[in-house]
Amino acid sequence: MVARSTTVVFKNGCHTARLHRIDWGVSSGVFAIDPPVDIAPGDELTWLSESDGFLTGTEGYVTYWPRFFGDDGGIPSPAPADEVIHVWWNNPYVGSNEYRSSAPGPFSLGHQGGDGNNAVVRFTLQGAYGRNTCIPGFVWRGANANDAVCVRPEVRDQVAADNRRAAERRQPGGGAYGPNTCKPGYVWREAFPGDAVCVPPATRAQAKRDNADANKRIL
């Protein structure tokens, strides 16, 4: 067994974000198992660096670029430091093991373990707001307090405006559908079960499309 080694177990806990390796290396030791080129959503993959000289340790890093559903664009060169996912480890021959990591919002990246001469450290990447964390460019719709469907910011603004105008769009005195009967030209939004806010038909169609695409817009 080598004097020092670090096994990195990396869990991509995201639902749509795929990671593409753009930089990696060691400043001490060698890679016995290279960091993977791609890490798909849900993957848990491993790489390993180890010492390769007398009384030496191992230190290395890897940097990934996140891609999202439908993202076929290129990777900028150089990639902005605040837009990449970076993992660094150091297992010296003398002294304590160290780990650092960083990830752009809305990601969260942390680690557990990593003690000992032949260390195993586990990094987990996930959304900063749990399962419903939106990919960049999207926000929670907020049609009600529990509505976490991810939409464009202008759609959220429209939803808020529709909620404010809900009362003025109902038929005075009620109608065929009770107190929530809409005035002519309006229909129920139906963003969620029981959503009877009155909106133009195009807005209801937008809500239906956003609901259908919801799983594509979360990390």
C-alpha atoms as a PDB file:
ATOM      1  CA  MET A   1       0.000   0.000   0.000  1.00  0.00           C
ATOM      2  CA  VAL A   2       1.233   3.477  -0.832  1.00  0.00           C
ATOM      3  CA  ALA A   3       2.134   5.855   1.989  1.00  0.00           C
ATOM      4  CA  ARG A   4      -0.716   8.260   1.244  1.00  0.00           C
ATOM      5  CA  SER A   5      -3.799   8.073  -0.969  1.00  0.00           C
ATOM      6  CA  THR A   6      -7.085   9.897  -1.389  1.00  0.00           C
ATOM      7  CA  THR A   7     -10.156   8.246  -2.843  1.00  0.00           C
ATOM      8  CA  VAL A   8     -12.758  10.808  -3.885  1.00  0.00           C
ATOM      9  CA  VAL A   9     -16.343   9.578  -4.134  1.00  0.00           C
ATOM     10  CA  PHE A  10     -18.430  12.168  -5.975  1.00  0.00           C
ATOM     11  CA  LYS A  11     -22.224  12.025  -5.955  1.00  0.00           C
ATOM     12  CA  ASN A  12     -24.125  14.133  -8.472  1.00  0.00           C
ATOM     13  CA  GLY A  13     -27.379  14.451  -6.577  1.00  0.00           C
ATOM     14  CA  CYS A  14     -28.938  16.698  -9.210  1.00  0.00           C
ATOM     15  CA  HIS A  15     -31.804  15.651 -11.490  1.00  0.00           C
ATOM     16  CA  THR A  16     -30.858  17.359 -14.758  1.00  0.00           C
ATOM     17  CA  ALA A  17     -27.365  18.870 -14.347  1.00  0.00           C
ATOM     18  CA  ARG A  18     -24.601  16.926 -16.128  1.00  0.00           C
ATOM     19  CA  LEU A  19     -20.949  17.703 -15.353  1.00  0.00           C
ATOM     20  CA  HIS A  20     -18.176  17.858 -17.954  1.00  0.00           C
ATOM     21  CA  ARG A  21     -14.532  17.756 -16.835  1.00  0.00           C
ATOM     22  CA  ILE A  22     -12.536  20.755 -18.066  1.00  0.00           C
ATOM     23  CA  ASP A  23      -9.401  20.674 -15.890  1.00  0.00           C
ATOM     24  CA  TRP A  24      -7.659  18.267 -13.520  1.00  0.00           C
ATOM     25  CA  GLY A  25      -4.205  17.542 -12.177  1.00  0.00           C
ATOM     26  CA  VAL A  26      -1.960  16.685  -9.265  1.00  0.00           C
ATOM     27  CA  SER A  27       0.749  18.824  -7.701  1.00  0.00           C
ATOM     28  CA  SER A  28       1.932  15.886  -5.600  1.00  0.00           C
ATOM     29  CA  GLY A  29       1.551  12.195  -6.420  1.00  0.00           C
ATOM     30  CA  VAL A  30      -0.205  10.582  -9.371  1.00  0.00           C
ATOM     31  CA  PHE A  31      -3.701   9.601 -10.410  1.00  0.00           C
ATOM     32  CA  ALA A  32      -4.295   5.880  -9.989  1.00  0.00           C
ATOM     33  CA  ILE A  33      -7.868   6.415 -11.250  1.00  0.00           C
ATOM     34  CA  ASP A  34      -8.553   9.531 -13.331  1.00  0.00           C
ATOM     35  CA  PRO A  35     -11.535  11.755 -12.545  1.00  0.00           C
ATOM     36  CA  PRO A  36     -14.410  10.858 -14.919  1.00  0.00           C
ATOM     37  CA  VAL A  37     -14.862  12.944 -18.057  1.00  0.00           C
ATOM     38  CA  ASP A  38     -18.642  13.204 -17.532  1.00  0.00           C
ATOM     39  CA  ILE A  39     -20.850  12.764 -14.492  1.00  0.00           C
ATOM     40  CA  ALA A  40     -24.512  12.238 -15.347  1.00  0.00           C
ATOM     41  CA  PRO A  41     -27.414  13.209 -13.075  1.00  0.00           C
ATOM     42  CA  GLY A  42     -27.641  10.735 -10.201  1.00  0.00           C
ATOM     43  CA  ASP A  43     -24.185   9.215 -10.807  1.00  0.00           C
ATOM     44  CA  GLU A  44     -21.846   8.345  -7.948  1.00  0.00           C
ATOM     45  CA  LEU A  45     -18.317   7.965  -9.337  1.00  0.00           C
ATOM     46  CA  THR A  46     -14.843   7.575  -7.873  1.00  0.00           C
ATOM     47  CA  TRP A  47     -11.298   8.697  -8.589  1.00  0.00           C
ATOM     48  CA  LEU A  48      -8.040   8.100  -6.726  1.00  0.00           C
ATOM     49  CA  SER A  49      -4.726   9.876  -6.319  1.00  0.00           C
ATOM     50  CA  GLU A  50      -1.755   8.478  -4.405  1.00  0.00           C
ATOM     51  CA  SER A  51       1.803   9.325  -3.420  1.00  0.00           C
ATOM     52  CA  ASP A  52       4.603   8.167  -5.716  1.00  0.00           C
ATOM     53  CA  GLY A  53       7.811   8.991  -3.878  1.00  0.00           C
ATOM     54  CA  PHE A  54       9.626   8.549  -0.588  1.00  0.00           C
ATOM     55  CA  LEU A  55       7.995  10.432   2.303  1.00  0.00           C
ATOM     56  CA  THR A  56       5.514  12.224   0.014  1.00  0.00           C
ATOM     57  CA  GLY A  57       1.779  12.790   0.014  1.00  0.00           C
ATOM     58  CA  THR A  58      -0.768  13.475  -2.675  1.00  0.00           C
ATOM     59  CA  GLU A  59      -2.541  16.694  -3.664  1.00  0.00           C
ATOM     60  CA  GLY A  60      -4.876  17.206  -6.602  1.00  0.00           C
ATOM     61  CA  TYR A  61      -7.884  18.948  -8.066  1.00  0.00           C
ATOM     62  CA  VAL A  62     -10.602  18.604 -10.687  1.00  0.00           C
ATOM     63  CA  THR A  63     -12.897  21.190 -12.249  1.00  0.00           C
ATOM     64  CA  TYR A  64     -16.244  20.520 -13.932  1.00  0.00           C
ATOM     65  CA  TRP A  65     -18.530  22.605 -16.117  1.00  0.00           C
ATOM     66  CA  PRO A  66     -22.279  22.082 -15.452  1.00  0.00           C
ATOM     67  CA  ARG A  67     -24.629  21.491 -18.366  1.00  0.00           C
ATOM     68  CA  PHE A  68     -28.409  21.595 -18.133  1.00  0.00           C
ATOM     69  CA  PHE A  69     -31.266  19.997 -20.067  1.00  0.00           C
ATOM     70  CA  GLY A  70     -31.169  21.192 -23.672  1.00  0.00           C
ATOM     71  CA  ASP A  71     -27.808  22.971 -23.205  1.00  0.00           C
ATOM     72  CA  ASP A  72     -25.812  22.222 -26.354  1.00  0.00           C
ATOM     73  CA  GLY A  73     -23.646  25.321 -26.206  1.00  0.00           C
ATOM     74  CA  GLY A  74     -19.878  25.329 -26.000  1.00  0.00           C
ATOM     75  CA  ILE A  75     -17.747  25.793 -22.916  1.00  0.00           C
ATOM     76  CA  PRO A  76     -16.098  29.220 -22.651  1.00  0.00           C
ATOM     77  CA  SER A  77     -12.315  29.285 -22.574  1.00  0.00           C
ATOM     78  CA  PRO A  78     -11.262  30.124 -20.023  1.00  0.00           C
ATOM     79  CA  ALA A  79     -14.333  29.078 -18.052  1.00  0.00           C
ATOM     80  CA  PRO A  80     -15.325  31.750 -15.482  1.00  0.00           C
ATOM     81  CA  ALA A  81     -14.155  30.681 -12.039  1.00  0.00           C
ATOM     82  CA  ASP A  82     -17.515  31.564 -10.474  1.00  0.00           C
ATOM     83  CA  GLU A  83     -19.416  29.275 -12.888  1.00  0.00           C
ATOM     84  CA  VAL A  84     -17.503  26.015 -12.408  1.00  0.00           C
ATOM     85  CA  ILE A  85     -17.571  23.189  -9.862  1.00  0.00           C
ATOM     86  CA  HIS A  86     -14.173  22.739  -8.248  1.00  0.00           C
ATOM     87  CA  VAL A  87     -12.845  20.062  -5.881  1.00  0.00           C
ATOM     88  CA  TRP A  88      -9.394  20.107  -4.235  1.00  0.00           C
ATOM     89  CA  TRP A  89      -7.755  17.692  -1.809  1.00  0.00           C
ATOM     90  CA  ASN A  90      -4.411  17.441  -0.018  1.00  0.00           C
ATOM     91  CA  ASN A  91      -3.196  14.416   1.912  1.00  0.00           C
ATOM     92  CA  PRO A  92       0.356  15.373   2.988  1.00  0.00           C
ATOM     93  CA  TYR A  93       2.934  13.008   4.406  1.00  0.00           C
ATOM     94  CA  VAL A  94       3.127  15.251   7.476  1.00  0.00           C
ATOM     95  CA  GLY A  95       0.145  17.253   8.689  1.00  0.00           C
ATOM     96  CA  SER A  96      -3.630  17.131   8.452  1.00  0.00           C
ATOM     97  CA  ASN A  97      -5.696  16.316   5.383  1.00  0.00           C
ATOM     98  CA  GLU A  98      -7.429  19.266   3.729  1.00  0.00           C
ATOM     99  CA  TYR A  99     -10.351  19.620   1.338  1.00  0.00           C
ATOM    100  CA  ARG A 100     -11.889  22.569  -0.456  1.00  0.00           C
ATOM    101  CA  SER A 101     -14.738  22.828  -2.905  1.00  0.00           C
ATOM    102  CA  SER A 102     -16.817  25.472  -4.605  1.00  0.00           C
ATOM    103  CA  ALA A 103     -19.893  25.568  -6.809  1.00  0.00           C
ATOM    104  CA  PRO A 104     -21.953  28.389  -8.321  1.00  0.00           C
ATOM    105  CA  GLY A 105     -25.454  29.173  -7.166  1.00  0.00           C
ATOM    106  CA  PRO A 106     -27.886  27.510  -7.167  1.00  0.00           C
ATOM    107  CA  PHE A 107     -25.701  24.461  -6.375  1.00  0.00           C
ATOM    108  CA  SER A 108     -24.617  23.251  -2.953  1.00  0.00           C
ATOM    109  CA  LEU A 109     -21.411  21.185  -2.621  1.00  0.00           C
ATOM    110  CA  GLY A 110     -20.122  19.694   0.616  1.00  0.00           C
ATOM    111  CA  HIS A 111     -17.974  16.800   1.801  1.00  0.00           C
ATOM    112  CA  GLN A 112     -17.796  14.180   4.536  1.00  0.00           C
ATOM    113  CA  GLY A 113     -14.991  11.957   5.804  1.00  0.00           C
ATOM    114  CA  GLY A 114     -11.459  12.153   4.469  1.00  0.00           C
ATOM    115  CA  ASP A 115      -9.363  11.278   7.520  1.00  0.00           C
ATOM    116  CA  GLY A 116      -6.338   8.992   7.620  1.00  0.00           C
ATOM    117  CA  ASN A 117      -3.300   8.137   5.519  1.00  0.00           C
ATOM    118  CA  ASN A 118      -5.420   6.319   2.947  1.00  0.00           C
ATOM    119  CA  ALA A 119      -8.393   8.624   3.006  1.00  0.00           C
ATOM    120  CA  VAL A 120     -11.854   8.259   1.511  1.00  0.00           C
ATOM    121  CA  VAL A 121     -13.762  11.521   1.118  1.00  0.00           C
ATOM    122  CA  ARG A 122     -17.286  11.871  -0.213  1.00  0.00           C
ATOM    123  CA  PHE A 123     -18.463  15.010  -2.038  1.00  0.00           C
ATOM    124  CA  THR A 124     -22.171  15.539  -2.719  1.00  0.00           C
ATOM    125  CA  LEU A 125     -23.516  18.051  -5.234  1.00  0.00           C
ATOM    126  CA  GLN A 126     -27.166  19.068  -4.998  1.00  0.00           C
ATOM    127  CA  GLY A 127     -29.523  21.993  -5.325  1.00  0.00           C
ATOM    128  CA  ALA A 128     -29.182  24.704  -2.696  1.00  0.00           C
ATOM    129  CA  TYR A 129     -32.986  24.705  -2.196  1.00  0.00           C
ATOM    130  CA  GLY A 130     -33.580  20.967  -2.245  1.00  0.00           C
ATOM    131  CA  ARG A 131     -35.263  18.954  -4.938  1.00  0.00           C
ATOM    132  CA  ASN A 132     -37.146  21.932  -6.385  1.00  0.00           C
ATOM    133  CA  THR A 133     -34.054  24.082  -6.980  1.00  0.00           C
ATOM    134  CA  CYS A 134     -34.441  25.723 -10.395  1.00  0.00           C
ATOM    135  CA  ILE A 135     -31.753  25.719 -13.063  1.00  0.00           C
ATOM    136  CA  PRO A 136     -30.228  29.142 -13.825  1.00  0.00           C
ATOM    137  CA  GLY A 137     -32.627  31.498 -15.572  1.00  0.00           C
ATOM    138  CA  PHE A 138     -35.719  30.135 -13.820  1.00  0.00           C
ATOM    139  CA  VAL A 139     -37.519  30.955 -10.564  1.00  0.00           C
ATOM    140  CA  TRP A 140     -40.405  29.505  -8.581  1.00  0.00           C
ATOM    141  CA  ARG A 141     -43.753  30.475 -10.063  1.00  0.00           C
ATOM    142  CA  GLY A 142     -45.455  31.190  -6.742  1.00  0.00           C
ATOM    143  CA  ALA A 143     -49.063  30.849  -7.888  1.00  0.00           C
ATOM    144  CA  ASN A 144     -49.701  29.875  -4.262  1.00  0.00           C
ATOM    145  CA  ALA A 145     -47.520  29.311  -1.207  1.00  0.00           C
ATOM    146  CA  ASN A 146     -46.622  25.767  -2.291  1.00  0.00           C
ATOM    147  CA  ASP A 147     -46.096  26.373  -6.008  1.00  0.00           C
ATOM    148  CA  ALA A 148     -42.420  25.611  -6.787  1.00  0.00           C
ATOM    149  CA  VAL A 149     -42.794  25.038 -10.540  1.00  0.00           C
ATOM    150  CA  CYS A 150     -39.824  26.722 -12.222  1.00  0.00           C
ATOM    151  CA  VAL A 151     -40.665  29.435 -14.753  1.00  0.00           C
ATOM    152  CA  ARG A 152     -39.057  32.446 -16.394  1.00  0.00           C
ATOM    153  CA  PRO A 153     -39.001  35.548 -14.127  1.00  0.00           C
ATOM    154  CA  GLU A 154     -41.475  37.382 -16.379  1.00  0.00           C
ATOM    155  CA  VAL A 155     -43.965  34.540 -15.935  1.00  0.00           C
ATOM    156  CA  ARG A 156     -43.681  34.791 -12.151  1.00  0.00           C
ATOM    157  CA  ASP A 157     -44.323  38.522 -12.413  1.00  0.00           C
ATOM    158  CA  GLN A 158     -47.419  37.851 -14.518  1.00  0.00           C
ATOM    159  CA  VAL A 159     -48.663  35.269 -12.016  1.00  0.00           C
ATOM    160  CA  ALA A 160     -48.320  37.794  -9.193  1.00  0.00           C
ATOM    161  CA  ALA A 161     -50.219  40.390 -11.225  1.00  0.00           C
ATOM    162  CA  ASP A 162     -52.990  37.886 -12.018  1.00  0.00           C
ATOM    163  CA  ASN A 163     -53.310  37.012  -8.334  1.00  0.00           C
ATOM    164  CA  ARG A 164     -53.735  40.680  -7.449  1.00  0.00           C
ATOM    165  CA  ARG A 165     -56.474  41.099 -10.067  1.00  0.00           C
ATOM    166  CA  ALA A 166     -58.313  37.884  -9.200  1.00  0.00           C
ATOM    167  CA  ALA A 167     -61.310  39.544  -7.532  1.00  0.00           C
ATOM    168  CA  GLU A 168     -62.000  42.046 -10.341  1.00  0.00           C
ATOM    169  CA  ARG A 169     -62.121  39.245 -12.925  1.00  0.00           C
ATOM    170  CA  ARG A 170     -64.843  37.249 -11.195  1.00  0.00           C
ATOM    171  CA  GLN A 171     -68.489  37.562 -12.171  1.00  0.00           C
ATOM    172  CA  PRO A 172     -70.215  39.875  -9.664  1.00  0.00           C
ATOM    173  CA  GLY A 173     -72.665  37.874  -7.594  1.00  0.00           C
ATOM    174  CA  GLY A 174     -71.321  34.565  -8.875  1.00  0.00           C
ATOM    175  CA  GLY A 175     -72.622  32.481 -11.733  1.00  0.00           C
ATOM    176  CA  ALA A 176     -72.790  28.967 -13.125  1.00  0.00           C
ATOM    177  CA  TYR A 177     -69.609  27.972 -11.290  1.00  0.00           C
ATOM    178  CA  GLY A 178     -70.372  29.684  -8.018  1.00  0.00           C
ATOM    179  CA  PRO A 179     -68.394  32.592  -6.561  1.00  0.00           C
ATOM    180  CA  ASN A 180     -65.348  31.779  -8.706  1.00  0.00           C
ATOM    181  CA  THR A 181     -67.211  32.172 -12.006  1.00  0.00           C
ATOM    182  CA  CYS A 182     -65.036  34.245 -14.351  1.00  0.00           C
ATOM    183  CA  LYS A 183     -66.175  37.231 -16.355  1.00  0.00           C
ATOM    184  CA  PRO A 184     -66.491  36.656 -20.112  1.00  0.00           C
ATOM    185  CA  GLY A 185     -63.078  36.371 -21.759  1.00  0.00           C
ATOM    186  CA  TYR A 186     -61.433  34.772 -18.729  1.00  0.00           C
ATOM    187  CA  VAL A 187     -60.884  31.159 -17.648  1.00  0.00           C
ATOM    188  CA  TRP A 188     -59.486  29.459 -14.566  1.00  0.00           C
ATOM    189  CA  ARG A 189     -55.690  29.383 -14.608  1.00  0.00           C
ATOM    190  CA  GLU A 190     -55.392  25.804 -13.261  1.00  0.00           C
ATOM    191  CA  ALA A 191     -51.709  26.118 -12.409  1.00  0.00           C
ATOM    192  CA  PHE A 192     -52.384  23.623  -9.590  1.00  0.00           C
ATOM    193  CA  PRO A 193     -55.457  21.589  -8.570  1.00  0.00           C
ATOM    194  CA  GLY A 194     -58.147  23.992  -7.416  1.00  0.00           C
ATOM    195  CA  ASP A 195     -56.529  27.090  -8.924  1.00  0.00           C
ATOM    196  CA  ALA A 196     -59.550  29.213  -9.883  1.00  0.00           C
ATOM    197  CA  VAL A 197     -57.785  32.538 -10.489  1.00  0.00           C
ATOM    198  CA  CYS A 198     -59.346  34.017 -13.629  1.00  0.00           C
ATOM    199  CA  VAL A 199     -56.899  34.714 -16.460  1.00  0.00           C
ATOM    200  CA  PRO A 200     -56.919  35.069 -20.251  1.00  0.00           C
ATOM    201  CA  PRO A 201     -56.925  31.691 -22.079  1.00  0.00           C
ATOM    202  CA  ALA A 202     -53.325  32.215 -23.241  1.00  0.00           C
ATOM    203  CA  THR A 203     -52.200  32.446 -19.620  1.00  0.00           C
ATOM    204  CA  ARG A 204     -53.867  29.140 -18.757  1.00  0.00           C
ATOM    205  CA  ALA A 205     -52.101  27.577 -21.744  1.00  0.00           C
ATOM    206  CA  GLN A 206     -48.798  28.977 -20.445  1.00  0.00           C
ATOM    207  CA  ALA A 207     -49.411  27.411 -17.028  1.00  0.00           C
ATOM    208  CA  LYS A 208     -50.090  24.059 -18.683  1.00  0.00           C
ATOM    209  CA  ARG A 209     -46.832  24.234 -20.651  1.00  0.00           C
ATOM    210  CA  ASP A 210     -44.850  25.207 -17.563  1.00  0.00           C
ATOM    211  CA  ASN A 211     -46.302  22.282 -15.621  1.00  0.00           C
ATOM    212  CA  ALA A 212     -45.401  19.879 -18.438  1.00  0.00           C
ATOM    213  CA  ASP A 213     -41.794  21.142 -18.505  1.00  0.00           C
ATOM    214  CA  ALA A 214     -41.350  21.296 -14.731  1.00  0.00           C
ATOM    215  CA  ASN A 215     -39.003  18.304 -14.421  1.00  0.00           C
ATOM    216  CA  LYS A 216     -36.688  19.711 -17.104  1.00  0.00           C
ATOM    217  CA  ARG A 217     -36.144  22.923 -15.146  1.00  0.00           C
ATOM    218  CA  ILE A 218     -34.925  21.612 -11.802  1.00  0.00           C
ATOM    219  CA  LEU A 219     -31.343  20.859 -10.923  1.00  0.00           C
END
